[in-house]
Amino acid sequence: MTTAYIDAFSGISGDMLLGALVDAGLSLEELQAALDTLGVEGLRLSSTVERRSGIGATRIMVDYPPQYEHRHLKHIVSLIEASGLPEVVKGRAVDVFLRLAEAEAQIHRIDPQRVHFHEVGAADAIADVVGAVFGFHHLGIDEILVGPVNVGAGLVRCEHGLLPVPAPAALALLVGWTCRSAGPKRELTTPTGAALATTLGRQVEAFPALRVRSVGYGAGGADTPEWPNLLRVILGEPAAIGAQEARPDPVSTTHQIEPHEHPHEHEHEEDHSHPHTHQHTQAAEI
């Protein structure tokens, strides 16, 4: 089984997740080919290698012609279902948008079908969601784990004006999850990022025991001083740490040990251990 661990120490957005998956081994060409099946004219991906706090990372940019109409949930679902993507990818991508619509509807007190995906429904968000779902599928990921999510702090500007960070829709999606706020006063987790994490993954409180296969870093657009604006994704196989053979219950089972001698000498090595150690239009770019 292959596991992906999303280390959201600096939050999560859709483009950062795409960057981390490409950095971990996903082919940008195959990702573009998958998105082409959506039939969104002019939708193109490009990538650059950038550094955040000295760490090299992949940044993904989504280019598309200006969008003048709002998309409702039914339009996005139809777009995905009519594509040439694998059925499992279609289903999971629709699941992400359903959760996103439900969160937006909860905040605006309307029916999910009436939600118009202004900022999160633009072509870049569709590329982020579908691209991330396809990426996990194409890389053969069986399980997605997510650590505590850094949501950021401060205020974010969107179509409705200034909103508190985390944005209300992002916070609604993260109900029941462990979140924290650290680093710069800016939006670190977007509604799109929160929808991807909570729909596709399950949360763990600490780094899981993995035999690491590859590591990918996705760069956010902003190069924040003294703060690594990165998302890290670790791919690997689950590993048992410190597994011991089962011992019998000393209360219910008694063993008599006969005295014996060792006819030879042997050495024991000394025990030792090694401590090992989004998608809003906003004033500040994610």
Protein backbone atom coordinates (compact mmCIF):
# COMPACT_ATOMS: atom_id res chain seq x y z
CA MET A 1 0.00 0.00 0.00
CA THR A 2 1.25 3.48 -0.84
CA THR A 3 0.51 6.36 1.51
CA ALA A 4 0.70 10.09 0.90
CA TYR A 5 1.24 12.27 3.96
CA ILE A 6 0.32 15.94 3.51
CA ASP A 7 2.42 18.06 5.83
CA ALA A 8 0.40 21.30 5.95
CA PHE A 9 2.82 23.10 8.28
CA SER A 10 2.27 26.25 6.19
CA GLY A 11 -1.29 25.56 5.16
CA ILE A 12 -2.66 24.08 1.95
CA SER A 13 -4.01 25.48 -1.30
CA GLY A 14 -4.87 23.74 -4.54
CA ASP A 15 -1.93 25.05 -6.55
CA MET A 16 0.54 24.20 -3.78
CA LEU A 17 -0.79 20.64 -3.65
CA LEU A 18 -0.39 20.31 -7.43
CA GLY A 19 3.16 21.63 -7.15
CA ALA A 20 4.03 19.17 -4.39
CA LEU A 21 2.66 16.22 -6.38
CA VAL A 22 4.63 17.21 -9.48
CA ASP A 23 7.72 17.71 -7.31
CA ALA A 24 7.19 14.21 -5.86
CA GLY A 25 7.15 12.58 -9.29
CA LEU A 26 3.87 13.33 -11.09
CA SER A 27 4.46 14.11 -14.77
CA LEU A 28 3.35 17.61 -15.72
CA GLU A 29 2.72 16.39 -19.28
CA GLU A 30 0.40 13.60 -18.12
CA LEU A 31 -1.35 16.02 -15.77
CA GLN A 32 -1.94 18.44 -18.65
CA ALA A 33 -3.25 15.63 -20.84
CA ALA A 34 -5.76 14.68 -18.13
CA LEU A 35 -6.97 18.27 -17.78
CA ASP A 36 -7.31 18.58 -21.55
CA THR A 37 -10.14 16.03 -21.41
CA LEU A 38 -12.23 18.62 -19.52
CA GLY A 39 -12.57 20.60 -22.72
CA VAL A 40 -11.85 23.97 -21.06
CA GLU A 41 -10.41 25.98 -23.91
CA GLY A 42 -7.04 27.58 -23.23
CA LEU A 43 -6.47 25.88 -19.87
CA ARG A 44 -2.71 25.36 -19.61
CA LEU A 45 -0.32 24.44 -16.82
CA SER A 46 3.25 25.63 -16.43
CA SER A 47 5.83 25.09 -13.71
CA THR A 48 8.92 26.74 -12.32
CA VAL A 49 11.44 25.75 -9.68
CA GLU A 50 11.53 28.34 -6.92
CA ARG A 51 13.03 28.60 -3.44
CA ARG A 52 11.29 29.34 -0.20
CA SER A 53 13.58 29.81 2.81
CA GLY A 54 16.32 28.17 0.76
CA ILE A 55 14.25 25.05 -0.05
CA GLY A 56 13.76 24.25 -3.73
CA ALA A 57 10.13 23.63 -4.68
CA THR A 58 7.83 23.36 -7.69
CA ARG A 59 5.38 26.15 -8.32
CA ILE A 60 2.44 25.46 -10.64
CA MET A 61 0.73 28.23 -12.57
CA VAL A 62 -2.65 27.80 -14.25
CA ASP A 63 -3.21 29.95 -17.34
CA TYR A 64 -6.60 30.38 -18.98
CA PRO A 65 -8.57 33.03 -20.88
CA PRO A 66 -10.62 35.53 -18.83
CA GLN A 67 -13.75 34.00 -17.29
CA TYR A 68 -16.84 36.19 -17.48
CA GLU A 69 -19.58 33.92 -16.19
CA HIS A 70 -20.11 32.31 -12.82
CA ARG A 71 -20.33 28.54 -12.65
CA HIS A 72 -22.84 26.78 -10.45
CA LEU A 73 -22.37 23.32 -8.99
CA LYS A 74 -24.36 21.60 -11.74
CA HIS A 75 -22.15 23.19 -14.41
CA ILE A 76 -18.95 21.96 -12.77
CA VAL A 77 -20.38 18.46 -12.20
CA SER A 78 -21.44 18.26 -15.85
CA LEU A 79 -18.00 19.42 -16.99
CA ILE A 80 -16.26 16.72 -14.94
CA GLU A 81 -18.67 13.92 -15.81
CA ALA A 82 -18.40 14.65 -19.55
CA SER A 83 -14.59 14.48 -19.46
CA GLY A 84 -12.36 11.59 -20.44
CA LEU A 85 -10.99 11.13 -16.92
CA PRO A 86 -11.05 7.74 -15.17
CA GLU A 87 -14.38 7.15 -13.42
CA VAL A 88 -12.79 7.08 -9.97
CA VAL A 89 -11.18 10.47 -10.62
CA LYS A 90 -14.49 11.92 -11.79
CA GLY A 91 -16.23 10.68 -8.67
CA ARG A 92 -13.69 12.01 -6.20
CA ALA A 93 -13.41 15.37 -7.96
CA VAL A 94 -17.20 15.76 -7.82
CA ASP A 95 -17.07 14.83 -4.11
CA VAL A 96 -14.62 17.69 -3.47
CA PHE A 97 -16.83 20.23 -5.21
CA LEU A 98 -19.94 18.93 -3.41
CA ARG A 99 -18.24 19.52 -0.05
CA LEU A 100 -17.08 22.92 -1.18
CA ALA A 101 -20.62 23.85 -2.29
CA GLU A 102 -22.07 22.64 1.01
CA ALA A 103 -19.59 24.74 2.98
CA GLU A 104 -20.29 27.86 0.89
CA ALA A 105 -24.03 27.25 1.17
CA GLN A 106 -23.77 26.95 4.93
CA ILE A 107 -21.97 30.29 5.18
CA HIS A 108 -24.37 32.10 2.82
CA ARG A 109 -27.48 30.28 4.13
CA ILE A 110 -28.58 29.13 0.68
CA ASP A 111 -29.10 25.83 -1.14
CA PRO A 112 -25.84 24.25 -2.39
CA GLN A 113 -27.20 24.20 -5.95
CA ARG A 114 -27.51 27.98 -5.82
CA VAL A 115 -23.87 28.51 -4.91
CA HIS A 116 -22.03 30.23 -7.73
CA PHE A 117 -18.35 29.43 -7.64
CA HIS A 118 -17.00 32.92 -8.36
CA GLU A 119 -13.46 32.70 -7.01
CA VAL A 120 -13.28 28.96 -6.35
CA GLY A 121 -15.19 28.12 -9.52
CA ALA A 122 -12.74 29.78 -11.88
CA ALA A 123 -10.83 27.57 -14.28
CA ASP A 124 -7.78 27.52 -12.03
CA ALA A 125 -9.73 26.00 -9.13
CA ILE A 126 -11.21 23.37 -11.44
CA ALA A 127 -7.68 22.57 -12.57
CA ASP A 128 -6.48 22.41 -8.96
CA VAL A 129 -9.19 20.03 -7.79
CA VAL A 130 -9.29 17.75 -10.82
CA GLY A 131 -5.50 17.85 -11.14
CA ALA A 132 -4.90 16.88 -7.51
CA VAL A 133 -7.41 14.02 -7.62
CA PHE A 134 -5.90 12.75 -10.86
CA GLY A 135 -2.38 13.12 -9.42
CA PHE A 136 -3.07 10.94 -6.39
CA HIS A 137 -4.75 8.35 -8.61
CA HIS A 138 -1.96 8.34 -11.20
CA LEU A 139 0.72 7.98 -8.53
CA GLY A 140 -1.07 4.92 -7.15
CA ILE A 141 -1.85 6.43 -3.75
CA ASP A 142 -4.05 4.18 -1.63
CA GLU A 143 -4.26 6.32 1.50
CA ILE A 144 -3.95 10.06 2.15
CA LEU A 145 -3.06 11.27 5.63
CA VAL A 146 -3.00 14.92 6.68
CA GLY A 147 -1.22 16.47 9.64
CA PRO A 148 -2.45 19.46 11.68
CA VAL A 149 -3.44 22.27 9.34
CA ASN A 150 -1.93 25.75 9.64
CA VAL A 151 -4.72 28.16 8.73
CA GLY A 152 -2.84 31.47 9.00
CA ALA A 153 -4.15 34.67 10.58
CA GLY A 154 -5.38 38.16 9.84
CA LEU A 155 -7.82 39.16 7.10
CA VAL A 156 -8.29 38.17 3.47
CA ARG A 157 -9.94 40.18 0.70
CA CYS A 158 -12.41 38.41 -1.56
CA GLU A 159 -15.43 39.27 -3.72
CA HIS A 160 -17.51 39.96 -0.60
CA GLY A 161 -14.89 42.24 0.96
CA LEU A 162 -12.61 41.56 3.92
CA LEU A 163 -13.08 38.26 5.71
CA PRO A 164 -11.37 36.78 8.77
CA VAL A 165 -8.69 34.12 8.33
CA PRO A 166 -9.36 31.27 8.02
CA ALA A 167 -12.08 32.22 5.54
CA PRO A 168 -15.53 31.08 6.76
CA ALA A 169 -15.88 28.38 4.08
CA ALA A 170 -12.43 26.99 4.86
CA LEU A 171 -13.23 26.87 8.57
CA ALA A 172 -16.55 25.15 7.92
CA LEU A 173 -14.70 22.46 5.97
CA LEU A 174 -12.20 21.98 8.79
CA VAL A 175 -14.75 21.33 11.55
CA GLY A 176 -13.53 18.36 13.59
CA TRP A 177 -9.94 18.78 12.40
CA THR A 178 -6.93 19.97 14.39
CA CYS A 179 -5.89 23.41 13.17
CA ARG A 180 -3.29 25.91 14.29
CA SER A 181 -2.19 29.42 13.48
CA ALA A 182 1.50 30.20 13.01
CA GLY A 183 3.66 32.35 10.81
CA PRO A 184 2.69 35.45 8.83
CA LYS A 185 -0.69 37.15 9.13
CA ARG A 186 -2.15 35.95 5.86
CA GLU A 187 -4.40 33.22 4.49
CA LEU A 188 -2.44 29.97 4.47
CA THR A 189 -5.27 27.49 3.93
CA THR A 190 -7.81 28.25 1.22
CA PRO A 191 -11.31 26.77 0.88
CA THR A 192 -10.14 24.74 -2.11
CA GLY A 193 -7.18 23.39 -0.14
CA ALA A 194 -9.38 22.59 2.85
CA ALA A 195 -11.91 20.80 0.63
CA LEU A 196 -9.19 18.66 -0.96
CA ALA A 197 -7.62 17.74 2.38
CA THR A 198 -10.84 16.89 4.21
CA THR A 199 -12.54 15.07 1.32
CA LEU A 200 -9.62 12.96 0.15
CA GLY A 201 -7.70 12.45 3.38
CA ARG A 202 -8.01 11.66 7.05
CA GLN A 203 -6.17 13.49 9.75
CA VAL A 204 -3.37 12.20 11.97
CA GLU A 205 -1.81 14.13 14.80
CA ALA A 206 1.82 13.25 14.07
CA PHE A 207 4.11 12.18 11.25
CA PRO A 208 3.13 8.57 10.43
CA ALA A 209 5.55 5.66 10.36
CA LEU A 210 6.52 5.44 6.69
CA ARG A 211 9.28 3.97 4.58
CA VAL A 212 9.78 7.15 2.57
CA ARG A 213 9.83 6.78 -1.21
CA SER A 214 9.79 10.39 -2.36
CA VAL A 215 9.21 13.91 -1.05
CA GLY A 216 7.67 16.83 -2.92
CA TYR A 217 7.56 20.52 -2.08
CA GLY A 218 4.91 22.80 -3.57
CA ALA A 219 5.62 26.54 -3.50
CA GLY A 220 3.05 29.20 -2.79
CA GLY A 221 3.13 32.33 -4.91
CA ALA A 222 4.31 34.60 -2.12
CA ASP A 223 7.90 34.44 -0.87
CA THR A 224 7.26 35.45 2.72
CA PRO A 225 10.31 36.67 4.69
CA GLU A 226 11.64 34.20 7.26
CA TRP A 227 8.75 31.79 6.61
CA PRO A 228 8.77 28.78 4.23
CA ASN A 229 5.59 29.21 2.19
CA LEU A 230 5.55 25.55 1.19
CA LEU A 231 3.39 22.46 1.24
CA ARG A 232 5.22 19.16 1.72
CA VAL A 233 3.91 15.80 0.50
CA ILE A 234 5.69 12.59 1.50
CA LEU A 235 5.03 9.35 -0.38
CA GLY A 236 5.90 5.95 1.06
CA GLU A 237 4.80 2.62 2.42
CA PRO A 238 3.52 2.14 5.98
CA ALA A 239 6.22 0.77 8.27
CA ALA A 240 5.99 -0.89 11.67
CA ILE A 241 8.26 0.76 14.21
CA GLY A 242 9.37 -1.12 17.32
CA ALA A 243 7.17 -4.12 16.66
CA GLN A 244 7.71 -6.85 19.26
CA GLU A 245 6.73 -10.48 19.38
CA ALA A 246 3.59 -11.16 21.37
CA ARG A 247 4.32 -12.15 24.94
CA PRO A 248 2.06 -14.45 26.99
CA ASP A 249 -0.05 -12.98 29.76
CA PRO A 250 2.01 -13.50 32.98
CA VAL A 251 -1.20 -13.91 35.00
CA SER A 252 -2.79 -16.64 32.92
CA THR A 253 0.33 -18.44 31.72
CA THR A 254 3.32 -19.63 33.77
CA HIS A 255 6.61 -20.79 32.32
CA GLN A 256 9.23 -22.62 34.40
CA ILE A 257 12.74 -21.91 33.22
CA GLU A 258 15.23 -24.67 33.96
CA PRO A 259 18.77 -23.63 34.92
CA HIS A 260 21.20 -24.01 32.04
CA GLU A 261 24.65 -23.05 31.05
CA HIS A 262 25.97 -21.32 27.94
CA PRO A 263 28.87 -23.32 26.51
CA HIS A 264 30.12 -20.24 24.63
CA GLU A 265 30.48 -16.55 25.02
CA HIS A 266 28.72 -14.00 22.84
CA GLU A 267 28.63 -10.25 22.64
CA HIS A 268 25.59 -7.96 22.75
CA GLU A 269 25.66 -4.75 20.82
CA GLU A 270 24.85 -1.79 22.99
CA ASP A 271 21.36 -0.42 22.54
CA HIS A 272 21.28 2.93 20.87
CA SER A 273 18.76 5.18 19.22
CA HIS A 274 18.84 8.08 16.79
CA PRO A 275 16.44 10.93 17.51
CA HIS A 276 14.97 11.94 14.21
CA THR A 277 14.00 14.49 14.72
CA HIS A 278 -6.21 28.00 -2.15
CA GLN A 279 -8.37 29.50 -3.65
CA HIS A 280 -9.44 33.08 -2.84
CA THR A 281 -8.77 36.25 -4.75
CA GLN A 282 -7.05 38.29 -2.07
CA ALA A 283 -4.86 41.26 -1.34
CA ALA A 284 -1.92 39.04 -0.43
CA GLU A 285 -1.03 36.28 -2.90
CA ILE A 286 -1.02 32.71 -1.65
